[in-house]
């Protein structure tokens, strides 16, 4: 009698385990199919580099902007001509305007505007003067201001540069 009960119990265990095994394998197969489908549907984002002044940027070893997906990182803009020479020497307000002009060109390249800027960091060698002239930014940011930092620094890449402005942009599709 004992052996029949053990055989019956073993039989029920086997009967129970077979469907469970198939269900587990089916779940694993579904998981693999879902992962494969997601990998197929997800577009791999490749960086898109932009050079505003290719010769200058190659000489200094940087790209002025890089776009990955909906995010754009813009290197600090300074007041320079197409040969990399400082402009508006000694005039912080004009240097700031020149920076924003260059940044506008970069934003337009990507189909963006200053409304798409989410971070703006400003570096200046003369913080008190910058604070006097910072109101100019009201003509740049008409909807809202981005987050960011204003940093007083000892010097920038070239002694004549008084201000450098870098951006991070989010372009909604």
Protein backbone atom coordinates (compact mmCIF):
# COMPACT_ATOMS: atom_id res chain seq x y z
CA UNK A 1 0.00 0.00 0.00
CA UNK A 2 2.85 2.34 0.83
CA UNK A 3 4.51 1.83 -2.54
CA UNK A 4 1.27 2.62 -4.43
CA UNK A 5 0.96 5.92 -2.50
CA UNK A 6 4.57 6.80 -3.30
CA UNK A 7 4.02 5.92 -6.96
CA UNK A 8 0.84 7.98 -7.04
CA UNK A 9 2.58 10.91 -5.40
CA UNK A 10 5.49 10.64 -7.85
CA UNK A 11 3.00 10.46 -10.71
CA UNK A 12 1.29 13.66 -9.53
CA UNK A 13 4.63 15.43 -9.14
CA UNK A 14 5.62 14.47 -12.68
CA UNK A 15 2.23 15.47 -14.05
CA UNK A 16 2.52 18.83 -12.26
CA UNK A 17 6.15 19.48 -13.32
CA UNK A 18 5.71 18.82 -17.05
CA UNK A 19 3.29 21.72 -17.68
CA UNK A 20 5.32 23.92 -15.34
CA UNK A 21 8.46 23.21 -17.38
CA UNK A 22 6.68 24.08 -20.63
CA UNK A 23 5.26 27.26 -19.11
CA UNK A 24 8.72 28.31 -17.90
CA UNK A 25 10.28 27.64 -21.32
CA UNK A 26 7.45 29.56 -22.98
CA UNK A 27 8.06 32.55 -20.68
CA UNK A 28 11.79 32.46 -21.43
CA UNK A 29 11.05 32.34 -25.18
CA UNK A 30 8.63 35.28 -24.86
CA UNK A 31 11.24 37.22 -22.89
CA UNK A 32 13.85 36.59 -25.61
CA UNK A 33 11.40 37.69 -28.31
CA UNK A 34 10.51 40.87 -26.41
CA UNK A 35 14.18 41.75 -25.88
CA UNK A 36 14.91 41.16 -29.56
CA UNK A 37 11.94 43.32 -30.58
CA UNK A 38 13.00 46.16 -28.27
CA UNK A 39 16.56 46.03 -29.60
CA UNK A 40 15.21 46.14 -33.15
CA UNK A 41 12.87 49.06 -32.46
CA UNK A 42 15.34 51.15 -30.46
CA UNK A 43 17.35 53.34 -32.75
CA UNK A 44 20.97 53.48 -31.67
CA UNK A 45 21.83 57.15 -31.32
CA UNK A 46 25.10 58.19 -32.89
CA UNK A 47 26.77 61.46 -31.96
CA UNK A 48 26.42 64.26 -34.51
CA UNK A 49 29.34 66.70 -34.28
CA UNK A 50 29.24 70.30 -35.45
CA UNK A 51 32.18 72.62 -36.05
CA UNK A 52 31.38 76.33 -36.21
CA UNK A 53 34.93 77.29 -37.19
CA UNK A 54 36.48 74.01 -38.40
CA UNK A 55 40.08 75.21 -38.73
CA UNK A 56 40.14 76.92 -35.33
CA UNK A 57 38.41 74.03 -33.58
CA UNK A 58 40.72 71.47 -35.15
CA UNK A 59 43.76 73.55 -34.10
CA UNK A 60 42.54 73.70 -30.48
CA UNK A 61 41.20 70.12 -30.51
CA UNK A 62 37.47 70.39 -29.79
CA UNK A 63 34.05 70.27 -31.46
CA UNK A 64 31.78 73.19 -30.84
CA UNK A 65 28.71 71.01 -30.38
CA UNK A 66 27.68 67.38 -30.15
CA UNK A 67 24.11 66.11 -30.52
CA UNK A 68 23.07 62.69 -29.23
CA UNK A 69 19.37 61.96 -29.55
CA UNK A 70 17.47 64.99 -28.30
CA UNK A 71 20.40 66.33 -26.27
CA UNK A 72 22.95 68.85 -27.52
CA UNK A 73 26.05 69.91 -25.61
CA UNK A 74 27.58 73.18 -26.82
CA UNK A 75 31.17 74.08 -25.93
CA UNK A 76 31.84 77.47 -24.46
CA UNK A 77 31.48 80.26 -27.00
CA UNK A 78 33.94 83.14 -26.82
CA UNK A 79 34.23 86.38 -28.77
CA UNK A 80 36.47 85.49 -31.74
CA UNK A 81 36.65 85.94 -35.48
CA UNK A 82 36.82 83.10 -38.01
CA UNK A 83 40.60 82.89 -37.63
CA UNK A 84 40.35 82.48 -33.85
CA UNK A 85 41.47 86.02 -32.96
CA UNK A 86 39.77 87.72 -29.99
CA UNK A 87 37.24 90.42 -30.88
CA UNK A 88 35.74 93.28 -28.87
CA UNK A 89 38.83 93.37 -26.68
CA UNK A 90 38.10 95.08 -23.36
CA UNK A 91 34.31 95.29 -24.05
CA UNK A 92 32.55 92.60 -22.02
CA UNK A 93 29.06 93.53 -23.22
CA UNK A 94 30.05 93.25 -26.89
CA UNK A 95 31.90 90.00 -26.19
CA UNK A 96 28.71 88.65 -24.60
CA UNK A 97 26.69 89.66 -27.69
CA UNK A 98 29.27 87.98 -29.94
CA UNK A 99 29.03 84.79 -27.86
CA UNK A 100 25.24 84.72 -28.16
CA UNK A 101 25.51 85.34 -31.93
CA UNK A 102 27.72 82.26 -32.29
CA UNK A 103 25.49 80.21 -30.01
CA UNK A 104 22.47 81.23 -32.09
CA UNK A 105 24.19 79.91 -35.24
CA UNK A 106 24.84 76.58 -33.54
CA UNK A 107 21.28 76.32 -32.25
CA UNK A 108 19.88 77.09 -35.72
CA UNK A 109 22.12 74.38 -37.23
CA UNK A 110 20.22 71.88 -35.08
CA UNK A 111 16.81 73.49 -35.66
CA UNK A 112 16.71 74.92 -32.14
CA UNK A 113 16.43 78.28 -30.46
CA UNK A 114 17.27 79.69 -27.05
CA UNK A 115 13.85 78.42 -25.91
CA UNK A 116 15.35 74.90 -26.09
CA UNK A 117 18.29 75.70 -23.79
CA UNK A 118 18.05 73.89 -20.44
CA UNK A 119 21.49 74.74 -18.97
CA UNK A 120 23.63 77.83 -19.47
CA UNK A 121 26.98 78.20 -17.71
CA UNK A 122 28.77 81.52 -17.91
CA UNK A 123 32.44 82.01 -17.06
CA UNK A 124 33.75 85.54 -16.73
CA UNK A 125 36.95 87.21 -15.68
CA UNK A 126 35.00 90.22 -14.36
CA UNK A 127 31.93 89.20 -12.37
CA UNK A 128 30.96 92.70 -11.15
CA UNK A 129 30.92 94.01 -14.75
CA UNK A 130 29.07 90.92 -15.96
CA UNK A 131 26.39 91.46 -13.28
CA UNK A 132 25.94 95.02 -14.59
CA UNK A 133 25.50 93.74 -18.16
CA UNK A 134 23.59 90.49 -17.43
CA UNK A 135 20.28 92.18 -18.22
CA UNK A 136 21.13 91.69 -21.90
CA UNK A 137 20.15 88.04 -21.39
CA UNK A 138 16.49 89.19 -21.19
CA UNK A 139 16.63 89.75 -24.95
CA UNK A 140 17.97 86.22 -25.45
CA UNK A 141 15.68 84.22 -23.15
CA UNK A 142 12.18 85.47 -23.86
CA UNK A 143 10.12 82.54 -22.53
CA UNK A 144 12.12 81.30 -19.55
CA UNK A 145 15.65 81.19 -18.24
CA UNK A 146 17.62 77.95 -18.21
CA UNK A 147 19.35 76.56 -15.15
CA UNK A 148 23.07 77.07 -14.84
CA UNK A 149 25.92 78.77 -13.07
CA UNK A 150 27.77 82.04 -13.29
CA UNK A 151 31.41 81.59 -12.39
CA UNK A 152 34.09 84.21 -11.86
CA UNK A 153 37.41 82.85 -13.10
CA UNK A 154 40.98 84.12 -13.09
CA UNK A 155 41.45 83.68 -16.83
CA UNK A 156 40.04 82.04 -19.95
CA UNK A 157 41.88 80.34 -22.84
CA UNK A 158 43.20 83.62 -24.29
CA UNK A 159 43.85 86.61 -22.00
CA UNK A 160 41.62 88.95 -24.04
CA UNK A 161 38.55 86.75 -23.54
CA UNK A 162 36.38 88.17 -20.75
CA UNK A 163 33.41 85.80 -21.04
CA UNK A 164 32.64 82.26 -22.17
CA UNK A 165 29.15 80.77 -22.42
CA UNK A 166 28.36 77.06 -22.72
CA UNK A 167 24.96 75.47 -23.24
CA UNK A 168 23.06 72.25 -22.90
CA UNK A 169 20.00 71.92 -25.09
CA UNK A 170 17.05 69.56 -25.18
CA UNK A 171 15.27 69.42 -28.52
CA UNK A 172 11.82 67.95 -28.26
CA UNK A 173 10.71 66.06 -31.35
